[in-house]
Amino acid sequence: MNGFQNIGKIPELKKRILITLALLSVYRIGVHIPTPGIDGKVLADIFERAKGTLLGFLDMFAGGGLERLSVFALGIMPYISASIILQLLTVVVPALERLSKEGEIGRRKITQYTRYGTVIISLIQGFGISVGLEQMRGINGEPVVYNPGWSFRLMTMLTLTGGTSFLMWLGEQITERGIGNGISLIIFAGIVARMPNAIAKTLTLVSSGEINWFVVLLLVAMMLLVVGFIIFMETAQRRIPVQYAKRIVGRRVYGGQSTHLPLKINTSGVIPPIFASSLIMFPATIANFIPHPYMKRFAEYLTPGTFLHEVLYVGFIIFFCFFYTAIVFNPDNVAENMKKYGGYIPGIRPGKRTSEYIERILTRITLLGALYVSFVCVLPTILVKEFNVPFYFGGTALLIVVGVALDTIQQIESHLILRHYDGLVRKTSRMRGRR
């Protein structure tokens, strides 16, 4: 409690937290603003029947905006999809690779390209959603769209694209002026906002006798264990000992100390499951709204819970764990910097041998991290099939919530410690950085 009291003693930190809460409130208000021309009651009934399917999964990431077809129905996923495409192109396109190495100017240019890609993807998804909505019917055959046609399609495309663009700007403002990563916090807020409703529905199932209290207590215990497991794995490190030789510069003696190189078990954080889900959702969304039997069947194959979806999901998670780690951590640069400042790993030659040693260790722990992330992300499938609980009790949602919470708390602690205040946890159990 002393740590939370210290937050109010730092005006800048207090201001950043208030700005973050205010901007997230704007996002949650926008989720309840519907797109014109939609029968909200019929659409809500359709989503009620689609729980646990692809639509329910998409709606989870949209924070409930897709169920209402609000102006934020697409959420921030088009931006994430555009980021995936740009990062993949950076590896294979020499011009983008050179641009990424030009420092701040290059990063700004790539960010600009990502924004353009977000608008294009949003327009495509908006068109697919508008066409699909025109074909949807309620239980009694009532249409979802009052006046179908190109006017409705264009209006929906512009509305949803504008909503996603605003969310993209909102996330950047949170990152710059608030606390934490704005894009991650928007997804975090959308998931957390739906959990009270999920708890209420679970209690309803208990009161009706569909689930007994023993199962609920077992699920709560399981969730606590999973949360503890996630926190342990997200803060776990493989520490490589590093020795710095003594150097004499003028009359000063530098080096001669022992330290360590911390390697994260899960270097990529929550990026792989988000990237993997967005890659699967994008073609599935398009296929789900194309009136063709083969496309409908293709969308059903990619529905969460199917064998193909789970195999692709785990495969993409493992791929992005290695891919993102390779982007953010370069063993050659680390080895070169160690050699430059007189550092070496005991028993390993500086230079290429050090780089190979670090890369070998990094590959092993990244595989362990990828398997851990895959296990946590397929957990909802087990819960849905075995216990019939809401989909986001575990898995990707829980990983995102815990991961984003750890990152945000770490940034708050950094502000507190920088100004000589105690952090949010005891000194004996100080949280290690996740990055």
Protein backbone atom coordinates (compact mmCIF):
# COMPACT_ATOMS: atom_id res chain seq x y z
CA MET A 1 0.00 0.00 0.00
CA ASN A 2 2.94 2.35 0.61
CA GLY A 3 3.94 1.86 -3.01
CA PHE A 4 0.52 2.95 -4.24
CA GLN A 5 0.56 5.93 -1.88
CA ASN A 6 3.89 7.03 -3.34
CA ILE A 7 2.30 7.29 -6.80
CA GLY A 8 0.36 10.37 -5.65
CA LYS A 9 3.59 12.03 -4.50
CA ILE A 10 5.01 12.14 -8.05
CA PRO A 11 3.05 14.67 -10.16
CA GLU A 12 4.39 13.42 -13.50
CA LEU A 13 3.57 9.78 -12.76
CA LYS A 14 0.14 10.70 -11.40
CA LYS A 15 -0.55 12.74 -14.53
CA ARG A 16 0.51 9.87 -16.81
CA ILE A 17 -1.74 7.39 -15.01
CA LEU A 18 -4.73 9.77 -15.16
CA ILE A 19 -4.14 10.37 -18.88
CA THR A 20 -3.97 6.61 -19.49
CA LEU A 21 -7.23 6.00 -17.61
CA ALA A 22 -8.95 8.88 -19.40
CA LEU A 23 -7.92 7.66 -22.87
CA LEU A 24 -8.94 4.09 -22.05
CA SER A 25 -12.31 5.46 -20.90
CA VAL A 26 -12.71 7.11 -24.31
CA TYR A 27 -12.09 3.72 -25.90
CA ARG A 28 -14.67 2.00 -23.71
CA ILE A 29 -17.24 4.72 -24.46
CA GLY A 30 -16.64 4.29 -28.20
CA VAL A 31 -17.29 0.55 -27.92
CA HIS A 32 -20.93 1.36 -27.09
CA ILE A 33 -21.48 3.70 -30.09
CA PRO A 34 -23.13 1.54 -32.81
CA THR A 35 -22.62 1.79 -36.55
CA PRO A 36 -25.76 3.22 -38.24
CA GLY A 37 -28.17 0.99 -40.16
CA ILE A 38 -27.93 -2.09 -37.88
CA ASP A 39 -30.62 -3.87 -35.89
CA GLY A 40 -28.67 -4.26 -32.66
CA LYS A 41 -31.07 -6.74 -31.05
CA VAL A 42 -30.94 -9.19 -33.96
CA LEU A 43 -27.14 -8.90 -34.12
CA ALA A 44 -26.85 -9.54 -30.38
CA ASP A 45 -28.96 -12.70 -30.74
CA ILE A 46 -26.69 -13.94 -33.53
CA PHE A 47 -23.57 -13.40 -31.40
CA GLU A 48 -25.23 -15.09 -28.45
CA ARG A 49 -25.54 -18.22 -30.58
CA ALA A 50 -21.96 -17.77 -31.82
CA LYS A 51 -20.29 -18.05 -28.40
CA GLY A 52 -17.11 -20.11 -28.61
CA THR A 53 -16.93 -19.76 -32.40
CA LEU A 54 -14.81 -17.52 -34.59
CA LEU A 55 -17.15 -14.55 -34.09
CA GLY A 56 -16.95 -14.90 -30.32
CA PHE A 57 -13.17 -15.07 -30.50
CA LEU A 58 -12.98 -11.95 -32.67
CA ASP A 59 -15.36 -10.14 -30.36
CA MET A 60 -13.10 -10.89 -27.38
CA PHE A 61 -10.21 -8.96 -28.99
CA ALA A 62 -12.58 -6.16 -30.00
CA GLY A 63 -13.66 -5.74 -26.38
CA GLY A 64 -17.32 -6.43 -27.20
CA GLY A 65 -17.33 -3.90 -30.06
CA LEU A 66 -18.00 -6.46 -32.77
CA GLU A 67 -21.08 -7.81 -30.98
CA ARG A 68 -22.62 -4.34 -31.08
CA LEU A 69 -20.93 -3.48 -34.41
CA SER A 70 -19.69 -0.29 -32.80
CA VAL A 71 -17.36 2.22 -34.43
CA PHE A 72 -14.52 0.23 -32.79
CA ALA A 73 -15.77 -3.14 -34.05
CA LEU A 74 -12.46 -4.00 -35.75
CA GLY A 75 -10.50 -3.09 -32.65
CA ILE A 76 -6.76 -2.68 -32.98
CA MET A 77 -6.18 -5.99 -34.80
CA PRO A 78 -5.77 -4.41 -38.30
CA TYR A 79 -2.86 -2.39 -36.90
CA ILE A 80 -1.29 -5.55 -35.49
CA SER A 81 -1.79 -7.35 -38.82
CA ALA A 82 -0.12 -4.47 -40.64
CA SER A 83 2.77 -4.59 -38.17
CA ILE A 84 3.22 -8.31 -38.86
CA ILE A 85 3.32 -7.73 -42.60
CA LEU A 86 5.86 -4.88 -42.26
CA GLN A 87 8.11 -6.90 -39.96
CA LEU A 88 8.04 -9.86 -42.34
CA LEU A 89 8.78 -7.59 -45.30
CA THR A 90 11.65 -5.98 -43.37
CA VAL A 91 13.42 -9.33 -43.35
CA VAL A 92 12.95 -10.10 -47.06
CA VAL A 93 12.95 -6.62 -48.68
CA PRO A 94 16.45 -5.00 -48.68
CA ALA A 95 15.06 -1.44 -48.91
CA LEU A 96 12.96 -1.88 -45.77
CA GLU A 97 15.86 -3.58 -44.00
CA ARG A 98 18.10 -0.59 -44.74
CA LEU A 99 15.31 1.73 -43.60
CA SER A 100 15.00 -0.11 -40.27
CA LYS A 101 18.71 0.51 -39.60
CA GLU A 102 18.52 4.27 -40.16
CA GLY A 103 17.57 5.01 -36.57
CA GLU A 104 14.68 7.23 -35.59
CA ILE A 105 14.02 8.48 -39.14
CA GLY A 106 13.75 4.93 -40.46
CA ARG A 107 11.45 3.86 -37.64
CA ARG A 108 9.16 6.80 -38.33
CA LYS A 109 8.97 5.86 -41.98
CA ILE A 110 8.13 2.24 -41.18
CA THR A 111 5.49 3.44 -38.70
CA GLN A 112 3.99 5.56 -41.47
CA TYR A 113 3.86 2.52 -43.78
CA THR A 114 2.22 0.55 -40.96
CA ARG A 115 -0.49 3.19 -40.67
CA TYR A 116 -1.17 3.03 -44.40
CA GLY A 117 -1.38 -0.75 -44.18
CA THR A 118 -3.78 -0.48 -41.24
CA VAL A 119 -6.15 1.67 -43.30
CA ILE A 120 -6.03 -0.75 -46.25
CA ILE A 121 -6.66 -3.83 -44.07
CA SER A 122 -9.48 -2.01 -42.23
CA LEU A 123 -11.18 -1.12 -45.52
CA ILE A 124 -10.97 -4.76 -46.69
CA GLN A 125 -12.28 -6.13 -43.40
CA GLY A 126 -14.97 -3.45 -43.24
CA PHE A 127 -16.21 -4.40 -46.71
CA GLY A 128 -16.25 -8.09 -45.79
CA ILE A 129 -18.18 -7.40 -42.59
CA SER A 130 -20.74 -5.21 -44.38
CA VAL A 131 -21.38 -7.85 -47.05
CA GLY A 132 -21.65 -10.57 -44.41
CA LEU A 133 -24.07 -8.54 -42.31
CA GLU A 134 -26.39 -8.07 -45.29
CA GLN A 135 -26.74 -11.84 -45.54
CA MET A 136 -27.27 -12.51 -41.82
CA ARG A 137 -30.74 -13.30 -40.54
CA GLY A 138 -32.18 -13.67 -37.06
CA ILE A 139 -34.06 -16.66 -35.66
CA ASN A 140 -37.30 -15.61 -37.36
CA GLY A 141 -35.60 -14.53 -40.59
CA GLU A 142 -35.42 -10.82 -39.73
CA PRO A 143 -32.49 -9.00 -41.42
CA VAL A 144 -29.63 -7.43 -39.50
CA VAL A 145 -29.25 -4.53 -41.96
CA TYR A 146 -32.21 -2.21 -42.46
CA ASN A 147 -31.26 -0.91 -45.94
CA PRO A 148 -28.63 -3.12 -47.60
CA GLY A 149 -26.70 -1.88 -50.60
CA TRP A 150 -23.58 0.01 -51.56
CA SER A 151 -24.51 3.02 -49.44
CA PHE A 152 -24.50 0.82 -46.33
CA ARG A 153 -21.26 -0.91 -47.40
CA LEU A 154 -19.40 2.35 -48.00
CA MET A 155 -20.70 3.85 -44.77
CA THR A 156 -19.66 0.76 -42.79
CA MET A 157 -16.21 0.67 -44.41
CA LEU A 158 -15.57 4.33 -43.62
CA THR A 159 -16.99 4.07 -40.09
CA LEU A 160 -14.99 0.99 -39.09
CA THR A 161 -11.80 2.27 -40.75
CA GLY A 162 -12.17 5.60 -38.99
CA GLY A 163 -12.71 3.83 -35.67
CA THR A 164 -9.58 1.70 -36.09
CA SER A 165 -7.53 4.75 -37.15
CA PHE A 166 -8.73 6.60 -34.06
CA LEU A 167 -7.78 3.63 -31.85
CA MET A 168 -4.35 3.54 -33.48
CA TRP A 169 -3.89 7.22 -32.63
CA LEU A 170 -5.26 6.63 -29.13
CA GLY A 171 -2.73 3.85 -28.51
CA GLU A 172 0.14 6.08 -29.66
CA GLN A 173 -1.02 8.84 -27.33
CA ILE A 174 -1.13 6.42 -24.39
CA THR A 175 2.40 5.22 -25.16
CA GLU A 176 3.74 8.78 -25.50
CA ARG A 177 1.82 10.65 -22.80
CA GLY A 178 0.57 7.89 -20.50
CA ILE A 179 2.06 4.82 -18.85
CA GLY A 180 2.62 1.45 -20.55
CA ASN A 181 2.24 0.33 -24.17
CA GLY A 182 -0.91 1.90 -25.62
CA ILE A 183 -1.78 -0.82 -28.13
CA SER A 184 -1.39 -3.56 -25.51
CA LEU A 185 -3.41 -1.61 -22.95
CA ILE A 186 -6.31 -1.20 -25.40
CA ILE A 187 -6.47 -4.96 -25.88
CA PHE A 188 -6.04 -5.39 -22.10
CA ALA A 189 -8.95 -3.04 -21.38
CA GLY A 190 -11.21 -4.84 -23.85
CA ILE A 191 -10.56 -8.21 -22.23
CA VAL A 192 -10.79 -7.06 -18.61
CA ALA A 193 -14.03 -5.14 -19.26
CA ARG A 194 -15.77 -8.38 -20.24
CA MET A 195 -14.61 -10.48 -17.31
CA PRO A 196 -17.29 -9.28 -14.83
CA ASN A 197 -19.95 -10.35 -17.31
CA ALA A 198 -18.25 -13.74 -17.67
CA ILE A 199 -18.15 -14.19 -13.90
CA ALA A 200 -21.84 -13.29 -13.67
CA LYS A 201 -22.71 -15.84 -16.34
CA THR A 202 -20.66 -18.49 -14.58
CA LEU A 203 -22.56 -17.80 -11.35
CA THR A 204 -25.80 -18.11 -13.31
CA LEU A 205 -24.71 -21.54 -14.54
CA VAL A 206 -23.95 -22.50 -10.94
CA SER A 207 -27.34 -21.31 -9.68
CA SER A 208 -29.12 -23.24 -12.45
CA GLY A 209 -27.22 -26.42 -11.55
CA GLU A 210 -25.31 -26.74 -14.84
CA ILE A 211 -22.00 -26.31 -12.99
CA ASN A 212 -21.48 -27.26 -9.35
CA TRP A 213 -19.45 -25.28 -6.82
CA PHE A 214 -16.67 -27.86 -6.71
CA VAL A 215 -15.95 -27.30 -10.42
CA VAL A 216 -15.98 -23.52 -9.90
CA LEU A 217 -13.52 -23.76 -7.01
CA LEU A 218 -11.36 -26.08 -9.10
CA LEU A 219 -11.40 -23.56 -11.96
CA VAL A 220 -10.48 -20.68 -9.62
CA ALA A 221 -7.60 -22.71 -8.20
CA MET A 222 -6.49 -23.60 -11.72
CA MET A 223 -6.61 -19.95 -12.79
CA LEU A 224 -4.52 -18.88 -9.79
CA LEU A 225 -1.97 -21.57 -10.60
CA VAL A 226 -1.87 -20.52 -14.25
CA VAL A 227 -1.46 -16.86 -13.29
CA GLY A 228 1.40 -17.76 -10.96
CA PHE A 229 2.94 -19.94 -13.67
CA ILE A 230 2.68 -17.11 -16.22
CA ILE A 231 4.28 -14.60 -13.83
CA PHE A 232 7.09 -17.06 -13.06
CA MET A 233 7.80 -17.75 -16.74
CA GLU A 234 7.49 -14.11 -17.83
CA THR A 235 10.08 -13.00 -15.25
CA ALA A 236 12.34 -16.07 -15.62
CA GLN A 237 15.88 -15.48 -16.90
CA ARG A 238 18.88 -17.49 -18.00
CA ARG A 239 21.87 -15.55 -16.66
CA ILE A 240 25.14 -15.96 -18.56
CA PRO A 241 28.17 -14.91 -16.44
CA VAL A 242 30.26 -12.13 -18.00
CA GLN A 243 33.69 -10.98 -16.81
CA TYR A 244 35.14 -7.59 -17.73
CA ALA A 245 38.92 -7.24 -17.80
CA LYS A 246 40.62 -4.28 -16.18
CA ARG A 247 41.46 -1.35 -18.47
CA ILE A 248 43.63 1.63 -17.67
CA VAL A 249 42.53 4.85 -19.36
CA GLY A 250 44.76 7.71 -18.24
CA ARG A 251 44.87 7.51 -14.48
CA ARG A 252 41.59 5.65 -14.15
CA VAL A 253 41.05 1.88 -13.97
CA TYR A 254 37.89 0.56 -15.61
CA GLY A 255 36.35 -2.92 -15.60
CA GLY A 256 37.53 -5.83 -13.56
CA GLN A 257 34.02 -6.70 -12.45
CA SER A 258 31.78 -9.75 -12.77
CA THR A 259 28.24 -9.38 -14.07
CA HIS A 260 25.78 -11.40 -16.10
CA LEU A 261 23.88 -11.26 -19.39
CA PRO A 262 20.16 -11.92 -18.67
CA LEU A 263 18.31 -13.85 -21.39
CA LYS A 264 14.53 -13.99 -21.07
CA ILE A 265 12.79 -17.34 -21.29
CA ASN A 266 10.02 -15.56 -23.18
CA THR A 267 11.77 -12.68 -24.92
CA SER A 268 8.85 -11.99 -27.27
CA GLY A 269 6.25 -11.51 -24.50
CA VAL A 270 2.61 -11.49 -25.67
CA ILE A 271 3.48 -10.68 -29.29
CA PRO A 272 3.44 -14.29 -30.68
CA PRO A 273 -0.14 -15.22 -29.65
CA ILE A 274 -1.44 -11.84 -30.85
CA PHE A 275 0.38 -12.16 -34.17
CA ALA A 276 -0.69 -15.80 -34.56
CA SER A 277 -4.35 -15.10 -33.83
CA SER A 278 -4.42 -12.10 -36.16
CA LEU A 279 -2.88 -14.11 -39.02
CA ILE A 280 -5.50 -16.83 -38.58
CA MET A 281 -8.37 -14.41 -38.08
CA PHE A 282 -7.71 -12.28 -41.17
CA PRO A 283 -8.30 -14.98 -43.84
CA ALA A 284 -10.99 -16.61 -41.70
CA THR A 285 -12.88 -13.32 -41.44
CA ILE A 286 -12.79 -12.80 -45.19
CA ALA A 287 -13.85 -16.41 -45.87
CA ASN A 288 -16.65 -16.26 -43.32
CA PHE A 289 -18.39 -13.43 -45.17
CA ILE A 290 -18.04 -14.76 -48.74
CA PRO A 291 -21.26 -16.52 -49.85
CA HIS A 292 -19.66 -19.69 -51.15
CA PRO A 293 -19.87 -23.21 -49.65
CA TYR A 294 -16.11 -23.82 -49.91
CA MET A 295 -15.30 -20.53 -48.21
CA LYS A 296 -17.81 -21.27 -45.44
CA ARG A 297 -16.19 -24.65 -44.89
CA PHE A 298 -12.74 -23.02 -44.86
CA ALA A 299 -13.92 -20.57 -42.18
CA GLU A 300 -15.33 -23.46 -40.11
CA TYR A 301 -11.97 -25.24 -40.25
CA LEU A 302 -10.33 -22.14 -38.74
CA THR A 303 -12.86 -21.84 -35.91
CA PRO A 304 -11.21 -21.96 -32.43
CA GLY A 305 -11.41 -25.48 -31.05
CA THR A 306 -10.97 -27.29 -34.36
CA PHE A 307 -7.90 -29.43 -34.93
CA LEU A 308 -6.63 -27.32 -37.85
CA HIS A 309 -6.98 -24.08 -35.90
CA GLU A 310 -5.11 -25.42 -32.87
CA VAL A 311 -2.29 -26.87 -35.01
CA LEU A 312 -1.89 -23.62 -36.96
CA TYR A 313 -2.15 -21.60 -33.77
CA VAL A 314 0.61 -23.52 -32.00
CA GLY A 315 2.75 -23.52 -35.16
CA PHE A 316 2.42 -19.75 -35.62
CA ILE A 317 3.14 -19.13 -31.94
CA ILE A 318 6.37 -21.14 -32.08
CA PHE A 319 7.37 -19.45 -35.34
CA PHE A 320 6.75 -15.93 -34.03
CA CYS A 321 8.55 -16.68 -30.76
CA PHE A 322 11.71 -17.43 -32.73
CA PHE A 323 11.03 -14.74 -35.34
CA TYR A 324 10.42 -11.90 -32.92
CA THR A 325 13.34 -12.97 -30.70
CA ALA A 326 15.61 -12.91 -33.75
CA ILE A 327 14.46 -9.36 -34.51
CA VAL A 328 14.86 -7.85 -31.04
CA PHE A 329 17.98 -9.75 -29.94
CA ASN A 330 21.08 -10.07 -32.15
CA PRO A 331 23.82 -12.31 -30.63
CA ASP A 332 26.43 -10.92 -33.06
CA ASN A 333 25.88 -7.36 -31.85
CA VAL A 334 25.93 -8.45 -28.20
CA ALA A 335 29.18 -10.37 -28.67
CA GLU A 336 30.74 -7.46 -30.55
CA ASN A 337 29.81 -4.96 -27.85
CA MET A 338 31.16 -7.26 -25.13
CA LYS A 339 34.45 -7.60 -26.99
CA LYS A 340 34.61 -3.85 -27.58
CA TYR A 341 34.38 -3.08 -23.86
CA GLY A 342 36.68 -5.90 -22.74
CA GLY A 343 33.97 -8.34 -21.68
CA TYR A 344 34.05 -12.09 -22.14
CA ILE A 345 32.24 -15.23 -21.01
CA PRO A 346 34.54 -17.42 -18.90
CA GLY A 347 35.74 -20.37 -20.97
CA ILE A 348 34.45 -18.90 -24.28
CA ARG A 349 36.58 -16.97 -26.77
CA PRO A 350 35.41 -13.43 -27.52
CA GLY A 351 33.92 -12.71 -30.92
CA LYS A 352 32.32 -15.39 -33.07
CA ARG A 353 32.55 -18.16 -30.47
CA THR A 354 30.75 -15.96 -27.94
CA SER A 355 28.03 -15.17 -30.50
CA GLU A 356 27.54 -18.87 -31.27
CA TYR A 357 27.40 -19.71 -27.54
CA ILE A 358 24.77 -17.03 -26.86
CA GLU A 359 22.74 -18.07 -29.91
CA ARG A 360 22.79 -21.73 -28.84
CA ILE A 361 21.50 -20.88 -25.36
CA LEU A 362 18.96 -18.43 -26.77
CA THR A 363 17.58 -21.09 -29.13
CA ARG A 364 17.06 -23.56 -26.28
CA ILE A 365 15.32 -21.16 -23.93
CA THR A 366 13.21 -19.70 -26.78
CA LEU A 367 11.94 -23.21 -27.56
CA LEU A 368 11.02 -23.62 -23.89
CA GLY A 369 9.29 -20.23 -23.94
CA ALA A 370 7.41 -21.09 -27.15
CA LEU A 371 6.13 -24.35 -25.67
CA TYR A 372 5.03 -22.52 -22.51
CA VAL A 373 3.13 -19.88 -24.52
CA SER A 374 1.53 -22.56 -26.69
CA PHE A 375 0.38 -24.51 -23.61
CA VAL A 376 -1.21 -21.45 -22.01
CA CYS A 377 -2.91 -20.41 -25.25
CA VAL A 378 -4.59 -23.77 -25.95
CA LEU A 379 -5.84 -23.96 -22.36
CA PRO A 380 -9.23 -22.34 -23.21
CA THR A 381 -10.03 -25.18 -25.60
CA ILE A 382 -9.76 -27.66 -22.71
CA LEU A 383 -11.89 -25.46 -20.46
CA VAL A 384 -14.61 -24.97 -23.07
CA LYS A 385 -14.87 -28.64 -23.97
CA GLU A 386 -14.56 -30.08 -20.48
CA PHE A 387 -16.22 -27.46 -18.24
CA ASN A 388 -18.24 -25.27 -20.62
CA VAL A 389 -16.83 -22.05 -19.16
CA PRO A 390 -16.43 -18.71 -21.01
CA PHE A 391 -13.69 -18.84 -23.62
CA TYR A 392 -11.39 -16.20 -22.17
CA PHE A 393 -10.90 -17.89 -18.79
CA GLY A 394 -7.24 -18.58 -19.54
CA GLY A 395 -5.19 -18.83 -22.68
CA THR A 396 -4.35 -15.89 -24.86
CA ALA A 397 -6.54 -13.46 -22.90
CA LEU A 398 -4.98 -14.39 -19.56
CA LEU A 399 -1.48 -14.25 -21.05
CA ILE A 400 -2.16 -10.77 -22.44
CA VAL A 401 -3.73 -9.53 -19.19
CA VAL A 402 -0.89 -10.78 -16.98
CA GLY A 403 1.84 -9.75 -19.44
CA VAL A 404 0.52 -6.23 -19.97
CA ALA A 405 -0.05 -5.82 -16.22
CA LEU A 406 3.56 -6.84 -15.53
CA ASP A 407 4.89 -4.38 -18.11
CA THR A 408 2.76 -1.53 -16.77
CA ILE A 409 3.70 -2.21 -13.15
CA GLN A 410 7.35 -2.36 -14.17
CA GLN A 411 7.11 1.11 -15.77
CA ILE A 412 5.37 2.49 -12.68
CA GLU A 413 8.11 1.02 -10.48
CA SER A 414 10.75 2.58 -12.72
CA HIS A 415 9.24 6.03 -12.12
CA LEU A 416 9.05 5.39 -8.36
CA ILE A 417 12.61 4.09 -8.00
CA LEU A 418 13.98 6.87 -10.23
CA ARG A 419 12.66 9.39 -7.70
CA HIS A 420 13.96 7.42 -4.69
CA TYR A 421 10.63 5.90 -3.67
CA ASP A 422 9.93 2.25 -2.84
CA GLY A 423 8.33 0.27 -5.63
CA LEU A 424 5.04 -1.62 -5.58
CA VAL A 425 6.66 -4.80 -4.20
CA ARG A 426 9.13 -5.48 -1.41
CA LYS A 427 12.82 -5.01 -2.13
CA THR A 428 13.46 -8.69 -1.39
CA SER A 429 11.06 -9.65 -4.19
CA ARG A 430 11.70 -6.83 -6.66
CA MET A 431 10.19 -7.59 -10.04
CA ARG A 432 12.74 -8.15 -12.77
CA GLY A 433 12.16 -6.47 -16.10
CA ARG A 434 10.39 -8.46 -18.80
CA ARG A 435 12.24 -6.75 -21.62
